[in-house]
Amino acid sequence: MMLGFRSLFTILRGRKQIFLDPTKAIPLRGPKRNMPLPMEPTAIRDALVNPDPAVALAVSLVAFHALMTSQVQHIKLTDIIDGRLRMPDGRFIPLAKPVLVHLAAWLDHRAKRWSETKNPYLLVTIQTAPRLSPPSRNFPWKKAGVTAQALRADRILYEVEQTGGDVRRICDLFGIGIETALRYSATILEPPSPFEPPIPTAPSHP
């Protein structure tokens, strides 16, 4: 019950409908919550239009293609071929149109600011531009206002909903294992929330 209340108040705070979570001071006991949750759409939209081109690109890569932080961190310029992204496991992902827009904006910014850099990685910083190393794992997420983990979960949950929980498709599309895919697909098999009113049924007649 406490998990349910805490989830409800978390959503209300995210929508700025309440200021404080009245359950925050109450010790939480019981099973650890590990069920992935969707994000508030406005938070994703705000992150996608971030004025920093590195942030906008990183957010779009995760929001549209559910990449992990480490995957974004280690993308090299040579991994992008004809609008497709080559993944470490050999898969090629056709990049969504919004991602291509953010990619072009970032590459233009990168070329202007670090025109002499030999760094092979897609994302570079002031610290890595003179080197050949990838950016830190936290770049550029400190300025994004959202986390890569939450964005990734939201994208996978959306696909689960659209495919009716097709585990095989989820595994193939995002390169995840069956156990992880089942954890996401279980979200559409959960019983109705106790906060939703019961569906009225027709009265029975003798």
N, C-alpha and C. Protein backbone atom coordinates (compact mmCIF):
# COMPACT_ATOMS: atom_id res chain seq x y z
N MET A 1 0.83 -1.20 0.00
CA MET A 1 0.00 0.00 0.00
C MET A 1 0.87 1.27 0.00
N MET A 2 1.94 1.23 0.83
CA MET A 2 2.81 2.40 0.91
C MET A 2 3.52 2.62 -0.42
N LEU A 3 3.91 1.55 -1.09
CA LEU A 3 4.53 1.68 -2.41
C LEU A 3 3.57 2.36 -3.38
N GLY A 4 2.30 1.97 -3.29
CA GLY A 4 1.30 2.57 -4.18
C GLY A 4 1.13 4.05 -3.92
N PHE A 5 1.03 4.42 -2.64
CA PHE A 5 0.89 5.84 -2.29
C PHE A 5 2.11 6.63 -2.73
N ARG A 6 3.30 6.06 -2.51
CA ARG A 6 4.51 6.78 -2.86
C ARG A 6 4.61 6.99 -4.37
N SER A 7 4.22 5.98 -5.14
CA SER A 7 4.21 6.13 -6.60
C SER A 7 3.24 7.22 -7.03
N LEU A 8 2.06 7.24 -6.40
CA LEU A 8 1.04 8.24 -6.74
C LEU A 8 1.55 9.65 -6.46
N PHE A 9 2.12 9.86 -5.28
CA PHE A 9 2.59 11.20 -4.93
C PHE A 9 3.81 11.60 -5.76
N THR A 10 4.62 10.63 -6.18
CA THR A 10 5.75 10.93 -7.06
C THR A 10 5.26 11.48 -8.39
N ILE A 11 4.20 10.87 -8.93
CA ILE A 11 3.64 11.33 -10.20
C ILE A 11 3.03 12.72 -10.02
N LEU A 12 2.31 12.93 -8.92
CA LEU A 12 1.69 14.24 -8.68
C LEU A 12 2.74 15.33 -8.53
N ARG A 13 3.85 15.02 -7.86
CA ARG A 13 4.93 16.01 -7.73
C ARG A 13 5.55 16.30 -9.08
N GLY A 14 5.71 15.25 -9.90
CA GLY A 14 6.27 15.45 -11.23
C GLY A 14 5.40 16.34 -12.09
N ARG A 15 4.09 16.30 -11.85
CA ARG A 15 3.15 17.16 -12.59
C ARG A 15 2.91 18.49 -11.89
N LYS A 16 3.65 18.71 -10.79
CA LYS A 16 3.58 19.97 -10.03
C LYS A 16 2.17 20.24 -9.51
N GLN A 17 1.47 19.16 -9.14
CA GLN A 17 0.14 19.32 -8.56
C GLN A 17 0.19 19.34 -7.03
N ILE A 18 1.30 18.89 -6.47
CA ILE A 18 1.52 18.99 -5.03
C ILE A 18 2.96 19.44 -4.82
N PHE A 19 3.24 20.00 -3.62
CA PHE A 19 4.58 20.49 -3.34
C PHE A 19 5.38 19.51 -2.50
N LEU A 20 4.72 18.79 -1.60
CA LEU A 20 5.41 17.88 -0.71
C LEU A 20 4.81 16.48 -0.79
N ASP A 21 5.65 15.48 -0.60
CA ASP A 21 5.19 14.10 -0.55
C ASP A 21 4.94 13.74 0.91
N PRO A 22 3.67 13.59 1.32
CA PRO A 22 3.38 13.32 2.74
C PRO A 22 3.88 11.97 3.21
N THR A 23 4.27 11.07 2.29
CA THR A 23 4.76 9.74 2.69
C THR A 23 6.28 9.69 2.81
N LYS A 24 6.95 10.81 2.50
CA LYS A 24 8.41 10.79 2.46
C LYS A 24 9.03 10.46 3.81
N ALA A 25 8.42 10.94 4.90
CA ALA A 25 8.98 10.73 6.24
C ALA A 25 8.61 9.38 6.82
N ILE A 26 7.76 8.63 6.14
CA ILE A 26 7.33 7.33 6.65
C ILE A 26 8.29 6.25 6.16
N PRO A 27 8.86 5.45 7.05
CA PRO A 27 9.78 4.39 6.62
C PRO A 27 9.10 3.44 5.65
N LEU A 28 9.80 3.11 4.61
CA LEU A 28 9.24 2.22 3.60
C LEU A 28 9.71 0.80 3.85
N ARG A 29 8.76 -0.08 4.09
CA ARG A 29 9.09 -1.48 4.31
C ARG A 29 8.39 -2.32 3.26
N GLY A 30 8.94 -3.49 3.05
CA GLY A 30 8.33 -4.37 2.08
C GLY A 30 9.26 -4.62 0.92
N PRO A 31 8.77 -5.21 -0.16
CA PRO A 31 9.62 -5.56 -1.30
C PRO A 31 10.17 -4.32 -1.98
N LYS A 32 11.38 -4.44 -2.48
CA LYS A 32 12.02 -3.33 -3.19
C LYS A 32 11.30 -3.09 -4.51
N ARG A 33 11.00 -1.83 -4.79
CA ARG A 33 10.31 -1.49 -6.05
C ARG A 33 11.31 -1.48 -7.20
N ASN A 34 11.09 -2.33 -8.18
CA ASN A 34 11.96 -2.34 -9.34
C ASN A 34 11.17 -2.34 -10.64
N MET A 35 9.88 -2.02 -10.52
CA MET A 35 9.05 -1.96 -11.71
C MET A 35 9.33 -0.67 -12.47
N PRO A 36 9.71 -0.76 -13.75
CA PRO A 36 9.98 0.47 -14.51
C PRO A 36 8.73 1.31 -14.66
N LEU A 37 8.92 2.63 -14.63
CA LEU A 37 7.80 3.56 -14.72
C LEU A 37 7.99 4.51 -15.90
N PRO A 38 6.89 4.92 -16.55
CA PRO A 38 6.99 5.89 -17.66
C PRO A 38 7.31 7.27 -17.13
N MET A 39 7.86 8.13 -17.99
CA MET A 39 8.18 9.50 -17.63
C MET A 39 7.04 10.44 -17.99
N GLU A 40 7.06 11.60 -17.40
CA GLU A 40 6.12 12.65 -17.78
C GLU A 40 6.53 13.17 -19.16
N PRO A 41 5.63 13.18 -20.15
CA PRO A 41 6.00 13.59 -21.52
C PRO A 41 6.62 14.98 -21.61
N THR A 42 6.16 15.90 -20.76
CA THR A 42 6.71 17.26 -20.85
C THR A 42 8.18 17.29 -20.46
N ALA A 43 8.59 16.42 -19.55
CA ALA A 43 10.00 16.37 -19.15
C ALA A 43 10.87 15.90 -20.32
N ILE A 44 10.36 14.96 -21.10
CA ILE A 44 11.11 14.48 -22.27
C ILE A 44 11.18 15.57 -23.34
N ARG A 45 10.05 16.23 -23.59
CA ARG A 45 10.04 17.28 -24.60
C ARG A 45 10.99 18.42 -24.24
N ASP A 46 10.99 18.79 -22.97
CA ASP A 46 11.88 19.86 -22.53
C ASP A 46 13.35 19.48 -22.72
N ALA A 47 13.67 18.24 -22.44
CA ALA A 47 15.06 17.79 -22.58
C ALA A 47 15.47 17.73 -24.05
N LEU A 48 14.54 17.38 -24.92
CA LEU A 48 14.86 17.27 -26.35
C LEU A 48 15.13 18.63 -27.00
N VAL A 49 14.62 19.69 -26.40
CA VAL A 49 14.85 21.03 -26.97
C VAL A 49 15.87 21.80 -26.14
N ASN A 50 16.67 21.09 -25.38
CA ASN A 50 17.72 21.73 -24.59
C ASN A 50 18.63 22.53 -25.53
N PRO A 51 19.00 23.76 -25.18
CA PRO A 51 19.84 24.58 -26.07
C PRO A 51 21.26 24.03 -26.26
N ASP A 52 21.70 23.17 -25.36
CA ASP A 52 23.02 22.57 -25.52
C ASP A 52 22.92 21.43 -26.53
N PRO A 53 23.60 21.51 -27.68
CA PRO A 53 23.45 20.48 -28.71
C PRO A 53 23.90 19.10 -28.27
N ALA A 54 24.86 19.03 -27.35
CA ALA A 54 25.30 17.73 -26.85
C ALA A 54 24.20 17.08 -26.03
N VAL A 55 23.53 17.86 -25.20
CA VAL A 55 22.43 17.35 -24.38
C VAL A 55 21.28 16.89 -25.28
N ALA A 56 20.89 17.72 -26.22
CA ALA A 56 19.78 17.38 -27.11
C ALA A 56 20.06 16.10 -27.89
N LEU A 57 21.30 15.92 -28.33
CA LEU A 57 21.64 14.71 -29.08
C LEU A 57 21.61 13.48 -28.19
N ALA A 58 22.23 13.57 -27.01
CA ALA A 58 22.27 12.42 -26.11
C ALA A 58 20.86 12.02 -25.68
N VAL A 59 20.04 13.01 -25.36
CA VAL A 59 18.66 12.73 -24.96
C VAL A 59 17.89 12.06 -26.10
N SER A 60 18.06 12.55 -27.30
CA SER A 60 17.33 11.96 -28.44
C SER A 60 17.76 10.53 -28.71
N LEU A 61 19.05 10.24 -28.55
CA LEU A 61 19.54 8.88 -28.79
C LEU A 61 18.91 7.88 -27.81
N VAL A 62 18.72 8.33 -26.58
CA VAL A 62 18.13 7.44 -25.58
C VAL A 62 16.61 7.43 -25.70
N ALA A 63 16.01 8.60 -25.90
CA ALA A 63 14.55 8.70 -25.96
C ALA A 63 13.97 7.95 -27.15
N PHE A 64 14.69 7.92 -28.27
CA PHE A 64 14.16 7.24 -29.47
C PHE A 64 14.69 5.82 -29.63
N HIS A 65 15.90 5.56 -29.14
CA HIS A 65 16.51 4.25 -29.40
C HIS A 65 16.92 3.49 -28.15
N ALA A 66 16.62 4.05 -26.96
CA ALA A 66 16.85 3.36 -25.68
C ALA A 66 18.30 2.92 -25.50
N LEU A 67 19.24 3.76 -25.92
CA LEU A 67 20.64 3.42 -25.69
C LEU A 67 20.98 3.56 -24.22
N MET A 68 21.96 2.80 -23.78
CA MET A 68 22.46 2.94 -22.41
C MET A 68 23.48 4.06 -22.36
N THR A 69 23.74 4.56 -21.15
CA THR A 69 24.69 5.64 -20.98
C THR A 69 26.05 5.27 -21.55
N SER A 70 26.49 4.06 -21.29
CA SER A 70 27.81 3.63 -21.77
C SER A 70 27.85 3.55 -23.29
N GLN A 71 26.72 3.22 -23.91
CA GLN A 71 26.69 3.15 -25.37
C GLN A 71 26.79 4.54 -25.98
N VAL A 72 26.06 5.50 -25.41
CA VAL A 72 26.16 6.88 -25.89
C VAL A 72 27.58 7.40 -25.71
N GLN A 73 28.16 7.09 -24.58
CA GLN A 73 29.50 7.55 -24.23
C GLN A 73 30.56 7.08 -25.23
N HIS A 74 30.40 5.86 -25.75
CA HIS A 74 31.44 5.27 -26.59
C HIS A 74 31.12 5.27 -28.09
N ILE A 75 30.10 5.99 -28.51
CA ILE A 75 29.84 6.09 -29.95
C ILE A 75 30.99 6.83 -30.62
N LYS A 76 31.49 6.27 -31.70
CA LYS A 76 32.55 6.93 -32.47
C LYS A 76 31.96 7.51 -33.76
N LEU A 77 32.66 8.46 -34.32
CA LEU A 77 32.20 9.08 -35.56
C LEU A 77 32.03 8.04 -36.66
N THR A 78 32.90 7.04 -36.66
CA THR A 78 32.85 6.01 -37.70
C THR A 78 31.71 5.02 -37.48
N ASP A 79 31.03 5.09 -36.34
CA ASP A 79 29.89 4.20 -36.08
C ASP A 79 28.62 4.69 -36.77
N ILE A 80 28.63 5.91 -37.27
CA ILE A 80 27.45 6.47 -37.94
C ILE A 80 27.68 6.41 -39.44
N ILE A 81 26.88 5.57 -40.10
CA ILE A 81 27.06 5.32 -41.53
C ILE A 81 25.71 5.45 -42.23
N ASP A 82 25.61 6.42 -43.13
CA ASP A 82 24.38 6.61 -43.92
C ASP A 82 23.12 6.67 -43.06
N GLY A 83 23.18 7.44 -41.99
CA GLY A 83 22.01 7.62 -41.15
C GLY A 83 21.71 6.44 -40.24
N ARG A 84 22.64 5.52 -40.13
CA ARG A 84 22.46 4.36 -39.25
C ARG A 84 23.57 4.33 -38.21
N LEU A 85 23.26 3.78 -37.05
CA LEU A 85 24.23 3.68 -35.97
C LEU A 85 24.64 2.22 -35.80
N ARG A 86 25.94 1.98 -35.88
CA ARG A 86 26.46 0.63 -35.67
C ARG A 86 26.64 0.38 -34.18
N MET A 87 26.01 -0.67 -33.68
CA MET A 87 26.07 -1.01 -32.27
C MET A 87 27.23 -1.98 -32.01
N PRO A 88 27.69 -2.06 -30.76
CA PRO A 88 28.81 -2.96 -30.44
C PRO A 88 28.52 -4.42 -30.76
N ASP A 89 27.24 -4.83 -30.72
CA ASP A 89 26.91 -6.23 -31.00
C ASP A 89 26.75 -6.49 -32.50
N GLY A 90 27.04 -5.49 -33.34
CA GLY A 90 26.97 -5.68 -34.78
C GLY A 90 25.67 -5.23 -35.41
N ARG A 91 24.66 -4.91 -34.60
CA ARG A 91 23.40 -4.44 -35.17
C ARG A 91 23.57 -3.03 -35.73
N PHE A 92 22.74 -2.71 -36.74
CA PHE A 92 22.70 -1.36 -37.28
C PHE A 92 21.31 -0.79 -37.00
N ILE A 93 21.25 0.37 -36.37
CA ILE A 93 19.99 1.01 -36.02
C ILE A 93 19.75 2.19 -36.95
N PRO A 94 18.67 2.17 -37.74
CA PRO A 94 18.33 3.37 -38.53
C PRO A 94 17.92 4.50 -37.58
N LEU A 95 18.63 5.59 -37.61
CA LEU A 95 18.35 6.69 -36.68
C LEU A 95 17.07 7.42 -37.07
N ALA A 96 16.26 7.73 -36.06
CA ALA A 96 15.02 8.46 -36.28
C ALA A 96 15.31 9.86 -36.80
N LYS A 97 14.37 10.43 -37.52
CA LYS A 97 14.58 11.76 -38.12
C LYS A 97 14.92 12.83 -37.08
N PRO A 98 14.22 12.87 -35.93
CA PRO A 98 14.61 13.88 -34.93
C PRO A 98 16.04 13.69 -34.44
N VAL A 99 16.48 12.44 -34.35
CA VAL A 99 17.86 12.18 -33.92
C VAL A 99 18.84 12.70 -34.97
N LEU A 100 18.53 12.50 -36.23
CA LEU A 100 19.40 13.00 -37.30
C LEU A 100 19.50 14.52 -37.27
N VAL A 101 18.40 15.18 -36.93
CA VAL A 101 18.42 16.65 -36.82
C VAL A 101 19.37 17.08 -35.71
N HIS A 102 19.24 16.44 -34.55
CA HIS A 102 20.12 16.78 -33.42
C HIS A 102 21.56 16.38 -33.72
N LEU A 103 21.75 15.30 -34.45
CA LEU A 103 23.09 14.87 -34.82
C LEU A 103 23.77 15.91 -35.71
N ALA A 104 23.05 16.40 -36.70
CA ALA A 104 23.61 17.41 -37.60
C ALA A 104 23.97 18.68 -36.84
N ALA A 105 23.10 19.09 -35.89
CA ALA A 105 23.37 20.29 -35.10
C ALA A 105 24.61 20.11 -34.24
N TRP A 106 24.76 18.92 -33.66
CA TRP A 106 25.93 18.67 -32.81
C TRP A 106 27.21 18.62 -33.65
N LEU A 107 27.17 17.96 -34.79
CA LEU A 107 28.37 17.86 -35.63
C LEU A 107 28.81 19.23 -36.12
N ASP A 108 27.85 20.09 -36.40
CA ASP A 108 28.18 21.45 -36.82
C ASP A 108 28.84 22.21 -35.67
N HIS A 109 28.27 22.07 -34.48
CA HIS A 109 28.84 22.71 -33.29
C HIS A 109 30.24 22.16 -32.99
N ARG A 110 30.38 20.86 -33.10
CA ARG A 110 31.66 20.19 -32.83
C ARG A 110 32.74 20.67 -33.79
N ALA A 111 32.39 20.77 -35.07
CA ALA A 111 33.36 21.20 -36.08
C ALA A 111 33.80 22.65 -35.88
N LYS A 112 32.87 23.50 -35.43
CA LYS A 112 33.21 24.91 -35.22
C LYS A 112 34.03 25.11 -33.96
N ARG A 113 33.68 24.41 -32.90
CA ARG A 113 34.36 24.64 -31.63
C ARG A 113 35.68 23.89 -31.51
N TRP A 114 35.73 22.67 -32.07
CA TRP A 114 36.95 21.88 -31.97
C TRP A 114 37.37 21.41 -33.37
N SER A 115 37.65 22.35 -34.21
CA SER A 115 37.95 22.05 -35.61
C SER A 115 39.24 21.23 -35.78
N GLU A 116 40.14 21.31 -34.81
CA GLU A 116 41.42 20.62 -34.92
C GLU A 116 41.47 19.31 -34.15
N THR A 117 40.41 18.96 -33.47
CA THR A 117 40.46 17.76 -32.63
C THR A 117 40.60 16.49 -33.46
N LYS A 118 41.35 15.54 -32.91
CA LYS A 118 41.51 14.22 -33.53
C LYS A 118 40.73 13.16 -32.76
N ASN A 119 39.96 13.61 -31.78
CA ASN A 119 39.21 12.68 -30.95
C ASN A 119 38.22 11.90 -31.81
N PRO A 120 38.25 10.56 -31.74
CA PRO A 120 37.38 9.75 -32.61
C PRO A 120 35.95 9.60 -32.11
N TYR A 121 35.68 10.04 -30.88
CA TYR A 121 34.35 9.84 -30.30
C TYR A 121 33.38 10.94 -30.73
N LEU A 122 32.12 10.55 -30.84
CA LEU A 122 31.10 11.50 -31.29
C LEU A 122 30.98 12.68 -30.33
N LEU A 123 30.89 12.40 -29.04
CA LEU A 123 30.77 13.45 -28.04
C LEU A 123 32.15 13.80 -27.49
N VAL A 124 32.47 15.06 -27.52
CA VAL A 124 33.74 15.53 -26.97
C VAL A 124 33.48 16.69 -26.02
N THR A 125 34.43 16.93 -25.15
CA THR A 125 34.33 18.02 -24.19
C THR A 125 35.63 18.83 -24.24
N ILE A 126 35.68 19.87 -23.45
CA ILE A 126 36.91 20.67 -23.38
C ILE A 126 38.07 19.80 -22.91
N GLN A 127 37.77 18.86 -22.01
CA GLN A 127 38.83 18.01 -21.48
C GLN A 127 39.28 16.94 -22.47
N THR A 128 38.35 16.40 -23.25
CA THR A 128 38.71 15.28 -24.13
C THR A 128 39.09 15.70 -25.54
N ALA A 129 38.77 16.93 -25.92
CA ALA A 129 39.09 17.39 -27.28
C ALA A 129 40.57 17.24 -27.62
N PRO A 130 41.51 17.54 -26.70
CA PRO A 130 42.92 17.38 -27.04
C PRO A 130 43.40 15.94 -26.92
N ARG A 131 42.52 15.03 -26.51
CA ARG A 131 42.90 13.63 -26.29
C ARG A 131 42.14 12.71 -27.24
N LEU A 132 42.32 11.42 -27.03
CA LEU A 132 41.64 10.42 -27.85
C LEU A 132 40.71 9.56 -27.00
N SER A 133 40.30 10.07 -25.86
CA SER A 133 39.47 9.32 -24.92
C SER A 133 38.01 9.73 -25.02
N PRO A 134 37.10 8.85 -24.58
CA PRO A 134 35.67 9.21 -24.59
C PRO A 134 35.35 10.18 -23.47
N PRO A 135 34.20 10.84 -23.53
CA PRO A 135 33.80 11.73 -22.43
C PRO A 135 33.47 10.92 -21.19
N SER A 136 33.28 11.58 -20.08
CA SER A 136 32.93 10.87 -18.86
C SER A 136 31.52 10.31 -18.99
N ARG A 137 31.21 9.36 -18.13
CA ARG A 137 29.90 8.71 -18.17
C ARG A 137 28.78 9.70 -17.86
N ASN A 138 29.10 10.75 -17.11
CA ASN A 138 28.08 11.72 -16.71
C ASN A 138 27.85 12.81 -17.75
N PHE A 139 28.63 12.82 -18.82
CA PHE A 139 28.45 13.86 -19.84
C PHE A 139 27.49 13.38 -20.90
N PRO A 140 26.51 14.20 -21.28
CA PRO A 140 26.20 15.56 -20.79
C PRO A 140 25.02 15.56 -19.83
N TRP A 141 24.82 14.46 -19.09
CA TRP A 141 23.59 14.25 -18.35
C TRP A 141 23.41 15.18 -17.16
N LYS A 142 24.49 15.74 -16.64
CA LYS A 142 24.36 16.66 -15.51
C LYS A 142 23.54 17.90 -15.88
N LYS A 143 23.54 18.24 -17.16
CA LYS A 143 22.80 19.42 -17.61
C LYS A 143 21.48 19.07 -18.28
N ALA A 144 21.15 17.80 -18.33
CA ALA A 144 19.98 17.37 -19.10
C ALA A 144 18.66 17.55 -18.36
N GLY A 145 18.68 17.49 -17.04
CA GLY A 145 17.44 17.59 -16.29
C GLY A 145 16.67 16.29 -16.21
N VAL A 146 17.15 15.25 -16.91
CA VAL A 146 16.56 13.92 -16.88
C VAL A 146 17.71 12.92 -16.84
N THR A 147 17.41 11.69 -16.49
CA THR A 147 18.44 10.65 -16.48
C THR A 147 18.28 9.74 -17.68
N ALA A 148 19.40 9.20 -18.12
CA ALA A 148 19.36 8.27 -19.25
C ALA A 148 18.58 7.02 -18.89
N GLN A 149 18.68 6.58 -17.65
CA GLN A 149 17.97 5.38 -17.22
C GLN A 149 16.46 5.55 -17.33
N ALA A 150 15.97 6.72 -16.90
CA ALA A 150 14.52 6.96 -16.97
C ALA A 150 14.06 7.07 -18.41
N LEU A 151 14.85 7.72 -19.26
CA LEU A 151 14.50 7.84 -20.67
C LEU A 151 14.47 6.48 -21.35
N ARG A 152 15.46 5.67 -21.05
CA ARG A 152 15.53 4.32 -21.65
C ARG A 152 14.33 3.49 -21.24
N ALA A 153 14.00 3.53 -19.95
CA ALA A 153 12.84 2.77 -19.46
C ALA A 153 11.56 3.23 -20.13
N ASP A 154 11.40 4.54 -20.28
CA ASP A 154 10.20 5.10 -20.91
C ASP A 154 10.07 4.61 -22.35
N ARG A 155 11.18 4.60 -23.08
CA ARG A 155 11.14 4.17 -24.49
C ARG A 155 10.77 2.69 -24.61
N ILE A 156 11.36 1.86 -23.74
CA ILE A 156 11.06 0.43 -23.80
C ILE A 156 9.61 0.17 -23.40
N LEU A 157 9.14 0.87 -22.38
CA LEU A 157 7.75 0.71 -21.95
C LEU A 157 6.78 1.08 -23.07
N TYR A 158 7.11 2.14 -23.82
CA TYR A 158 6.26 2.54 -24.92
C TYR A 158 6.17 1.42 -25.96
N GLU A 159 7.30 0.82 -26.27
CA GLU A 159 7.31 -0.26 -27.26
C GLU A 159 6.57 -1.49 -26.74
N VAL A 160 6.70 -1.75 -25.45
CA VAL A 160 5.97 -2.87 -24.85
C VAL A 160 4.47 -2.65 -25.01
N GLU A 161 4.03 -1.43 -24.75
CA GLU A 161 2.61 -1.12 -24.88
C GLU A 161 2.13 -1.25 -26.32
N GLN A 162 2.95 -0.78 -27.26
CA GLN A 162 2.55 -0.81 -28.67
C GLN A 162 2.52 -2.22 -29.24
N THR A 163 3.36 -3.10 -28.70
CA THR A 163 3.44 -4.47 -29.24
C THR A 163 2.67 -5.49 -28.41
N GLY A 164 1.99 -5.01 -27.35
CA GLY A 164 1.25 -5.94 -26.52
C GLY A 164 2.14 -6.85 -25.70
N GLY A 165 3.35 -6.40 -25.42
CA GLY A 165 4.27 -7.19 -24.60
C GLY A 165 4.99 -8.28 -25.38
N ASP A 166 5.27 -8.03 -26.65
CA ASP A 166 5.99 -9.01 -27.49
C ASP A 166 7.46 -9.06 -27.04
N VAL A 167 7.79 -10.06 -26.23
CA VAL A 167 9.12 -10.16 -25.63
C VAL A 167 10.20 -10.33 -26.70
N ARG A 168 9.94 -11.14 -27.69
CA ARG A 168 10.94 -11.37 -28.73
C ARG A 168 11.28 -10.07 -29.48
N ARG A 169 10.26 -9.31 -29.79
CA ARG A 169 10.49 -8.05 -30.49
C ARG A 169 11.26 -7.07 -29.62
N ILE A 170 10.93 -7.02 -28.34
CA ILE A 170 11.63 -6.12 -27.42
C ILE A 170 13.11 -6.49 -27.34
N CYS A 171 13.39 -7.78 -27.26
CA CYS A 171 14.79 -8.25 -27.21
C CYS A 171 15.54 -7.87 -28.48
N ASP A 172 14.92 -8.10 -29.63
CA ASP A 172 15.58 -7.82 -30.91
C ASP A 172 15.76 -6.33 -31.13
N LEU A 173 14.77 -5.53 -30.74
CA LEU A 173 14.81 -4.10 -31.02
C LEU A 173 15.83 -3.38 -30.16
N PHE A 174 15.94 -3.78 -28.91
CA PHE A 174 16.80 -3.04 -27.98
C PHE A 174 18.04 -3.82 -27.55
N GLY A 175 18.19 -5.04 -28.03
CA GLY A 175 19.38 -5.82 -27.70
C GLY A 175 19.46 -6.17 -26.22
N ILE A 176 18.32 -6.45 -25.60
CA ILE A 176 18.31 -6.80 -24.18
C ILE A 176 17.97 -8.27 -24.01
N GLY A 177 18.25 -8.81 -22.82
CA GLY A 177 17.99 -10.20 -22.54
C GLY A 177 16.54 -10.47 -22.24
N ILE A 178 16.18 -11.77 -22.23
CA ILE A 178 14.79 -12.15 -22.02
C ILE A 178 14.32 -11.75 -20.62
N GLU A 179 15.18 -11.92 -19.62
CA GLU A 179 14.77 -11.58 -18.25
C GLU A 179 14.43 -10.10 -18.13
N THR A 180 15.25 -9.26 -18.75
CA THR A 180 14.98 -7.82 -18.71
C THR A 180 13.70 -7.49 -19.47
N ALA A 181 13.53 -8.11 -20.64
CA ALA A 181 12.32 -7.86 -21.43
C ALA A 181 11.06 -8.29 -20.69
N LEU A 182 11.15 -9.40 -19.97
CA LEU A 182 9.99 -9.87 -19.21
C LEU A 182 9.64 -8.90 -18.08
N ARG A 183 10.66 -8.27 -17.48
CA ARG A 183 10.40 -7.30 -16.42
C ARG A 183 9.62 -6.12 -16.97
N TYR A 184 9.94 -5.71 -18.20
CA TYR A 184 9.20 -4.60 -18.81
C TYR A 184 7.81 -5.04 -19.26
N SER A 185 7.72 -6.22 -19.86
CA SER A 185 6.42 -6.68 -20.38
C SER A 185 5.45 -6.95 -19.25
N ALA A 186 5.96 -7.21 -18.04
CA ALA A 186 5.08 -7.48 -16.90
C ALA A 186 4.25 -6.26 -16.53
N THR A 187 4.69 -5.08 -16.97
CA THR A 187 3.96 -3.86 -16.61
C THR A 187 2.57 -3.81 -17.22
N ILE A 188 2.37 -4.47 -18.35
CA ILE A 188 1.04 -4.44 -18.95
C ILE A 188 0.17 -5.59 -18.46
N LEU A 189 0.74 -6.43 -17.61
CA LEU A 189 -0.01 -7.55 -17.07
C LEU A 189 -0.40 -7.31 -15.62
N GLU A 190 -0.04 -6.12 -15.09
CA GLU A 190 -0.34 -5.81 -13.71
C GLU A 190 -1.85 -5.60 -13.53
N PRO A 191 -2.39 -5.93 -12.36
CA PRO A 191 -3.82 -5.68 -12.11
C PRO A 191 -4.09 -4.19 -12.06
N PRO A 192 -5.35 -3.77 -12.23
CA PRO A 192 -5.69 -2.35 -12.20
C PRO A 192 -5.22 -1.69 -10.91
N SER A 193 -4.85 -0.43 -10.99
CA SER A 193 -4.39 0.32 -9.83
C SER A 193 -5.51 0.46 -8.82
N PRO A 194 -5.17 0.36 -7.50
CA PRO A 194 -6.23 0.52 -6.49
C PRO A 194 -6.78 1.94 -6.45
N PHE A 195 -6.12 2.87 -7.13
CA PHE A 195 -6.59 4.25 -7.15
C PHE A 195 -7.62 4.49 -8.24
N GLU A 196 -7.81 3.51 -9.11
CA GLU A 196 -8.79 3.65 -10.18
C GLU A 196 -10.12 3.09 -9.71
N PRO A 197 -11.22 3.75 -9.99
CA PRO A 197 -12.53 3.23 -9.57
C PRO A 197 -12.86 1.94 -10.30
N PRO A 198 -13.52 1.01 -9.65
CA PRO A 198 -13.89 -0.24 -10.32
C PRO A 198 -14.84 -0.01 -11.48
N ILE A 199 -14.72 -0.87 -12.47
CA ILE A 199 -15.60 -0.77 -13.63
C ILE A 199 -16.97 -1.31 -13.24
N PRO A 200 -18.02 -0.49 -13.42
CA PRO A 200 -19.35 -0.96 -13.02
C PRO A 200 -19.81 -2.12 -13.88
N THR A 201 -20.51 -3.03 -13.25
CA THR A 201 -21.04 -4.17 -13.99
C THR A 201 -22.57 -4.13 -13.96
N ALA A 202 -23.15 -4.79 -14.92
CA ALA A 202 -24.61 -4.80 -14.99
C ALA A 202 -25.18 -5.58 -13.81
N PRO A 203 -26.23 -5.10 -13.22
CA PRO A 203 -26.82 -5.82 -12.05
C PRO A 203 -27.38 -7.17 -12.49
N SER A 204 -27.24 -8.12 -11.60
CA SER A 204 -27.75 -9.46 -11.91
C SER A 204 -29.23 -9.52 -11.56
N HIS A 205 -29.97 -10.34 -12.27
CA HIS A 205 -31.41 -10.50 -12.03
C HIS A 205 -31.69 -11.93 -11.62
N PRO A 206 -32.57 -12.10 -10.69
CA PRO A 206 -32.93 -13.48 -10.25
C PRO A 206 -33.59 -14.26 -11.37
